Amino acid sequence: MAVYPSHQIAECFVDLVAPRSARTRRHARLDIITIALCGVICGAESSVEIEDWADAKQEWFHTWLELPNGIPSHDIFGRVFSRIDPKQFDAGFLRWVEGVEVATAGAVLALVGK
């Protein structure tokens, strides 16, 4: 049986280490990654723009993310992404893109320059 790459963000980034203090952790790591990926794909170019975009889409995000403490602030996006190993993120992102390509049979738009 063939094994196909996953297009689920949670599966693609499951091994991504994002060192954070347990006592101040209010947002799920994968929620932060998911919101940031969606925001950047939609044109956000900074953590402030990701937060602003996500605030505008909060109702949509609540349909498939729990977000018990709402949308993370731009400071949280900045802190998390400053601590992520870029090679681990790159590997997870590549797995995700490959999975989307397989799931859509190649019918996706190229993200030039992203």
N, C-alpha and C. Protein backbone atom coordinates (compact mmCIF):
# COMPACT_ATOMS: atom_id res chain seq x y z
N MET A 1 0.84 -1.17 0.00
CA MET A 1 0.00 0.00 0.00
C MET A 1 0.89 1.25 0.00
N ALA A 2 0.60 2.19 -0.87
CA ALA A 2 1.41 3.41 -0.98
C ALA A 2 1.09 4.35 0.18
N VAL A 3 2.09 5.05 0.64
CA VAL A 3 1.91 6.04 1.69
C VAL A 3 2.03 7.42 1.04
N TYR A 4 0.99 8.22 1.19
CA TYR A 4 0.97 9.54 0.58
C TYR A 4 1.26 10.59 1.64
N PRO A 5 1.90 11.68 1.24
CA PRO A 5 2.16 12.74 2.21
C PRO A 5 0.86 13.37 2.69
N SER A 6 0.86 13.82 3.91
CA SER A 6 -0.33 14.42 4.50
C SER A 6 -0.43 15.89 4.09
N HIS A 7 -1.65 16.37 3.97
CA HIS A 7 -1.87 17.79 3.74
C HIS A 7 -2.40 18.46 5.02
N GLN A 8 -2.39 17.72 6.12
CA GLN A 8 -2.83 18.24 7.40
C GLN A 8 -1.67 18.96 8.10
N ILE A 9 -1.84 20.22 8.40
CA ILE A 9 -0.77 21.00 9.03
C ILE A 9 -0.32 20.34 10.33
N ALA A 10 -1.25 19.85 11.13
CA ALA A 10 -0.90 19.21 12.40
C ALA A 10 0.04 18.03 12.21
N GLU A 11 -0.19 17.24 11.17
CA GLU A 11 0.67 16.08 10.93
C GLU A 11 2.03 16.50 10.37
N CYS A 12 2.05 17.51 9.56
CA CYS A 12 3.30 17.94 8.92
C CYS A 12 4.25 18.64 9.89
N PHE A 13 3.70 19.30 10.90
CA PHE A 13 4.52 20.05 11.86
C PHE A 13 4.55 19.41 13.24
N VAL A 14 4.16 18.14 13.34
CA VAL A 14 4.06 17.48 14.64
C VAL A 14 5.40 17.44 15.38
N ASP A 15 6.51 17.35 14.66
CA ASP A 15 7.81 17.25 15.30
C ASP A 15 8.52 18.60 15.44
N LEU A 16 7.84 19.69 15.11
CA LEU A 16 8.44 21.02 15.22
C LEU A 16 8.55 21.42 16.68
N VAL A 17 9.76 21.73 17.10
CA VAL A 17 10.01 22.14 18.48
C VAL A 17 9.93 23.66 18.54
N ALA A 18 9.09 24.15 19.42
CA ALA A 18 8.97 25.59 19.64
C ALA A 18 9.11 25.82 21.14
N PRO A 19 10.34 26.00 21.62
CA PRO A 19 10.56 26.14 23.07
C PRO A 19 9.80 27.33 23.65
N ARG A 20 8.92 27.02 24.60
CA ARG A 20 8.15 28.06 25.28
C ARG A 20 7.98 27.67 26.73
N SER A 21 7.81 28.66 27.56
CA SER A 21 7.59 28.42 28.98
C SER A 21 6.19 27.87 29.19
N ALA A 22 6.08 26.75 29.89
CA ALA A 22 4.77 26.11 30.11
C ALA A 22 3.84 27.01 30.92
N ARG A 23 4.38 27.80 31.83
CA ARG A 23 3.52 28.61 32.69
C ARG A 23 2.88 29.79 31.96
N THR A 24 3.47 30.23 30.86
CA THR A 24 2.90 31.36 30.13
C THR A 24 2.26 30.95 28.80
N ARG A 25 2.21 29.67 28.53
CA ARG A 25 1.67 29.17 27.26
C ARG A 25 0.15 29.26 27.26
N ARG A 26 -0.39 30.13 26.41
CA ARG A 26 -1.84 30.31 26.33
C ARG A 26 -2.42 29.87 24.99
N HIS A 27 -1.55 29.63 24.02
CA HIS A 27 -1.99 29.29 22.68
C HIS A 27 -1.29 28.02 22.21
N ALA A 28 -2.01 27.17 21.51
CA ALA A 28 -1.43 25.93 20.98
C ALA A 28 -0.43 26.26 19.88
N ARG A 29 0.70 25.58 19.90
CA ARG A 29 1.76 25.78 18.92
C ARG A 29 1.21 25.63 17.50
N LEU A 30 0.42 24.60 17.27
CA LEU A 30 -0.10 24.37 15.92
C LEU A 30 -1.14 25.42 15.50
N ASP A 31 -1.84 26.01 16.45
CA ASP A 31 -2.74 27.12 16.11
C ASP A 31 -1.92 28.31 15.62
N ILE A 32 -0.82 28.58 16.29
CA ILE A 32 0.05 29.70 15.90
C ILE A 32 0.64 29.45 14.51
N ILE A 33 1.12 28.24 14.27
CA ILE A 33 1.70 27.89 12.97
C ILE A 33 0.62 28.00 11.88
N THR A 34 -0.56 27.45 12.13
CA THR A 34 -1.64 27.45 11.15
C THR A 34 -2.05 28.87 10.79
N ILE A 35 -2.27 29.69 11.79
CA ILE A 35 -2.69 31.07 11.53
C ILE A 35 -1.60 31.82 10.76
N ALA A 36 -0.36 31.63 11.15
CA ALA A 36 0.74 32.32 10.46
C ALA A 36 0.85 31.88 9.01
N LEU A 37 0.75 30.57 8.75
CA LEU A 37 0.81 30.09 7.36
C LEU A 37 -0.32 30.69 6.53
N CYS A 38 -1.53 30.66 7.06
CA CYS A 38 -2.67 31.22 6.33
C CYS A 38 -2.48 32.72 6.09
N GLY A 39 -2.04 33.42 7.11
CA GLY A 39 -1.83 34.86 6.98
C GLY A 39 -0.80 35.23 5.93
N VAL A 40 0.32 34.52 5.94
CA VAL A 40 1.38 34.81 4.96
C VAL A 40 0.92 34.47 3.55
N ILE A 41 0.22 33.36 3.39
CA ILE A 41 -0.31 33.00 2.07
C ILE A 41 -1.27 34.08 1.57
N CYS A 42 -1.98 34.71 2.49
CA CYS A 42 -2.94 35.75 2.11
C CYS A 42 -2.30 37.14 2.03
N GLY A 43 -0.99 37.21 2.19
CA GLY A 43 -0.29 38.48 1.96
C GLY A 43 0.28 39.17 3.17
N ALA A 44 0.08 38.66 4.36
CA ALA A 44 0.66 39.29 5.55
C ALA A 44 2.18 39.19 5.50
N GLU A 45 2.86 40.27 5.83
CA GLU A 45 4.31 40.30 5.74
C GLU A 45 5.02 40.53 7.07
N SER A 46 4.28 40.57 8.15
CA SER A 46 4.88 40.76 9.47
C SER A 46 3.97 40.14 10.51
N SER A 47 4.47 40.02 11.72
CA SER A 47 3.64 39.46 12.79
C SER A 47 2.45 40.37 13.10
N VAL A 48 2.62 41.67 12.97
CA VAL A 48 1.51 42.60 13.19
C VAL A 48 0.43 42.38 12.12
N GLU A 49 0.85 42.23 10.86
CA GLU A 49 -0.11 42.00 9.79
C GLU A 49 -0.79 40.64 9.94
N ILE A 50 -0.07 39.63 10.42
CA ILE A 50 -0.68 38.31 10.65
C ILE A 50 -1.77 38.45 11.71
N GLU A 51 -1.45 39.14 12.81
CA GLU A 51 -2.45 39.33 13.86
C GLU A 51 -3.67 40.10 13.35
N ASP A 52 -3.44 41.20 12.63
CA ASP A 52 -4.56 41.98 12.11
C ASP A 52 -5.43 41.16 11.17
N TRP A 53 -4.79 40.40 10.27
CA TRP A 53 -5.53 39.57 9.33
C TRP A 53 -6.33 38.50 10.08
N ALA A 54 -5.67 37.84 11.05
CA ALA A 54 -6.34 36.78 11.81
C ALA A 54 -7.50 37.32 12.64
N ASP A 55 -7.34 38.53 13.19
CA ASP A 55 -8.46 39.14 13.93
C ASP A 55 -9.67 39.32 13.03
N ALA A 56 -9.42 39.72 11.78
CA ALA A 56 -10.52 39.91 10.83
C ALA A 56 -11.16 38.58 10.43
N LYS A 57 -10.42 37.49 10.55
CA LYS A 57 -10.90 36.16 10.16
C LYS A 57 -11.21 35.27 11.38
N GLN A 58 -11.32 35.87 12.55
CA GLN A 58 -11.46 35.11 13.79
C GLN A 58 -12.65 34.15 13.77
N GLU A 59 -13.77 34.59 13.27
CA GLU A 59 -14.95 33.72 13.22
C GLU A 59 -14.66 32.48 12.37
N TRP A 60 -14.00 32.65 11.25
CA TRP A 60 -13.63 31.53 10.37
C TRP A 60 -12.67 30.59 11.08
N PHE A 61 -11.67 31.13 11.75
CA PHE A 61 -10.71 30.28 12.46
C PHE A 61 -11.40 29.46 13.56
N HIS A 62 -12.38 30.04 14.21
CA HIS A 62 -13.07 29.32 15.28
C HIS A 62 -13.88 28.13 14.76
N THR A 63 -14.10 28.03 13.47
CA THR A 63 -14.82 26.88 12.94
C THR A 63 -13.94 25.63 12.90
N TRP A 64 -12.60 25.79 12.96
CA TRP A 64 -11.74 24.60 12.91
C TRP A 64 -10.53 24.65 13.82
N LEU A 65 -10.35 25.73 14.58
CA LEU A 65 -9.33 25.78 15.64
C LEU A 65 -10.04 26.11 16.94
N GLU A 66 -9.53 25.59 18.05
CA GLU A 66 -10.19 25.86 19.33
C GLU A 66 -9.99 27.30 19.79
N LEU A 67 -8.77 27.78 19.78
CA LEU A 67 -8.43 29.16 20.17
C LEU A 67 -9.10 29.58 21.48
N PRO A 68 -8.85 28.84 22.57
CA PRO A 68 -9.50 29.17 23.84
C PRO A 68 -9.17 30.57 24.36
N ASN A 69 -8.05 31.13 23.92
CA ASN A 69 -7.66 32.47 24.35
C ASN A 69 -7.65 33.45 23.18
N GLY A 70 -8.42 33.15 22.16
CA GLY A 70 -8.53 34.04 21.01
C GLY A 70 -7.31 33.97 20.09
N ILE A 71 -7.20 34.95 19.22
CA ILE A 71 -6.09 35.04 18.28
C ILE A 71 -4.84 35.48 19.04
N PRO A 72 -3.71 34.81 18.82
CA PRO A 72 -2.47 35.23 19.47
C PRO A 72 -2.07 36.64 19.04
N SER A 73 -1.37 37.33 19.91
CA SER A 73 -0.91 38.68 19.59
C SER A 73 0.30 38.62 18.67
N HIS A 74 0.62 39.76 18.07
CA HIS A 74 1.80 39.81 17.21
C HIS A 74 3.07 39.49 17.99
N ASP A 75 3.09 39.84 19.28
CA ASP A 75 4.26 39.51 20.11
C ASP A 75 4.45 38.00 20.22
N ILE A 76 3.35 37.27 20.35
CA ILE A 76 3.43 35.81 20.45
C ILE A 76 3.92 35.22 19.14
N PHE A 77 3.38 35.68 18.01
CA PHE A 77 3.87 35.19 16.72
C PHE A 77 5.37 35.44 16.60
N GLY A 78 5.79 36.64 16.94
CA GLY A 78 7.21 36.98 16.85
C GLY A 78 8.07 36.12 17.74
N ARG A 79 7.64 35.93 19.00
CA ARG A 79 8.42 35.11 19.95
C ARG A 79 8.52 33.67 19.49
N VAL A 80 7.39 33.09 19.09
CA VAL A 80 7.40 31.68 18.68
C VAL A 80 8.29 31.48 17.45
N PHE A 81 8.12 32.33 16.45
CA PHE A 81 8.91 32.14 15.23
C PHE A 81 10.39 32.48 15.42
N SER A 82 10.71 33.29 16.41
CA SER A 82 12.13 33.57 16.67
C SER A 82 12.82 32.38 17.34
N ARG A 83 12.04 31.49 17.92
CA ARG A 83 12.61 30.33 18.64
C ARG A 83 12.55 29.02 17.86
N ILE A 84 11.84 29.02 16.76
CA ILE A 84 11.70 27.80 15.96
C ILE A 84 12.98 27.56 15.17
N ASP A 85 13.38 26.30 15.10
CA ASP A 85 14.53 25.92 14.26
C ASP A 85 14.10 26.05 12.79
N PRO A 86 14.74 26.93 12.03
CA PRO A 86 14.34 27.14 10.63
C PRO A 86 14.38 25.86 9.79
N LYS A 87 15.31 24.98 10.05
CA LYS A 87 15.40 23.73 9.28
C LYS A 87 14.21 22.83 9.58
N GLN A 88 13.79 22.77 10.84
CA GLN A 88 12.61 21.98 11.19
C GLN A 88 11.36 22.58 10.55
N PHE A 89 11.24 23.90 10.59
CA PHE A 89 10.08 24.54 9.97
C PHE A 89 10.07 24.29 8.47
N ASP A 90 11.22 24.43 7.84
CA ASP A 90 11.34 24.19 6.40
C ASP A 90 10.91 22.77 6.04
N ALA A 91 11.34 21.81 6.83
CA ALA A 91 10.98 20.40 6.57
C ALA A 91 9.47 20.20 6.71
N GLY A 92 8.85 20.77 7.74
CA GLY A 92 7.41 20.65 7.92
C GLY A 92 6.64 21.35 6.81
N PHE A 93 7.11 22.52 6.42
CA PHE A 93 6.45 23.27 5.35
C PHE A 93 6.52 22.50 4.03
N LEU A 94 7.67 21.92 3.75
CA LEU A 94 7.83 21.13 2.52
C LEU A 94 6.90 19.91 2.54
N ARG A 95 6.80 19.22 3.69
CA ARG A 95 5.87 18.09 3.81
C ARG A 95 4.44 18.54 3.52
N TRP A 96 4.07 19.70 4.08
CA TRP A 96 2.72 20.21 3.89
C TRP A 96 2.45 20.53 2.43
N VAL A 97 3.37 21.24 1.78
CA VAL A 97 3.19 21.60 0.37
C VAL A 97 3.10 20.34 -0.50
N GLU A 98 3.94 19.37 -0.23
CA GLU A 98 3.89 18.11 -0.99
C GLU A 98 2.55 17.41 -0.78
N GLY A 99 2.05 17.42 0.45
CA GLY A 99 0.76 16.80 0.74
C GLY A 99 -0.38 17.51 0.05
N VAL A 100 -0.34 18.84 0.02
CA VAL A 100 -1.38 19.60 -0.67
C VAL A 100 -1.34 19.30 -2.16
N GLU A 101 -0.15 19.20 -2.71
CA GLU A 101 0.00 18.90 -4.14
C GLU A 101 -0.61 17.55 -4.47
N VAL A 102 -0.37 16.55 -3.64
CA VAL A 102 -0.93 15.22 -3.87
C VAL A 102 -2.45 15.25 -3.67
N ALA A 103 -2.92 15.88 -2.61
CA ALA A 103 -4.35 15.92 -2.30
C ALA A 103 -5.16 16.63 -3.37
N THR A 104 -4.56 17.59 -4.03
CA THR A 104 -5.28 18.35 -5.06
C THR A 104 -4.92 17.90 -6.47
N ALA A 105 -4.16 16.81 -6.57
CA ALA A 105 -3.71 16.28 -7.86
C ALA A 105 -3.01 17.35 -8.69
N GLY A 106 -2.27 18.22 -8.01
CA GLY A 106 -1.49 19.23 -8.68
C GLY A 106 -2.25 20.47 -9.09
N ALA A 107 -3.52 20.55 -8.77
CA ALA A 107 -4.35 21.69 -9.16
C ALA A 107 -4.28 22.80 -8.12
N VAL A 108 -3.09 23.34 -7.90
CA VAL A 108 -2.90 24.42 -6.95
C VAL A 108 -2.17 25.56 -7.62
N LEU A 109 -2.29 26.74 -7.05
CA LEU A 109 -1.59 27.91 -7.57
C LEU A 109 -0.19 27.96 -7.00
N ALA A 110 0.76 28.37 -7.81
CA ALA A 110 2.14 28.54 -7.35
C ALA A 110 2.20 29.76 -6.45
N LEU A 111 2.95 29.65 -5.37
CA LEU A 111 3.15 30.78 -4.46
C LEU A 111 4.54 31.36 -4.74
N VAL A 112 4.65 32.13 -5.77
CA VAL A 112 5.92 32.67 -6.19
C VAL A 112 6.39 33.70 -5.16
N GLY A 113 7.63 33.55 -4.75
CA GLY A 113 8.23 34.53 -3.85
C GLY A 113 7.91 34.33 -2.39
N LYS A 114 7.21 33.29 -2.02
CA LYS A 114 6.84 33.09 -0.60
C LYS A 114 7.82 32.17 0.05
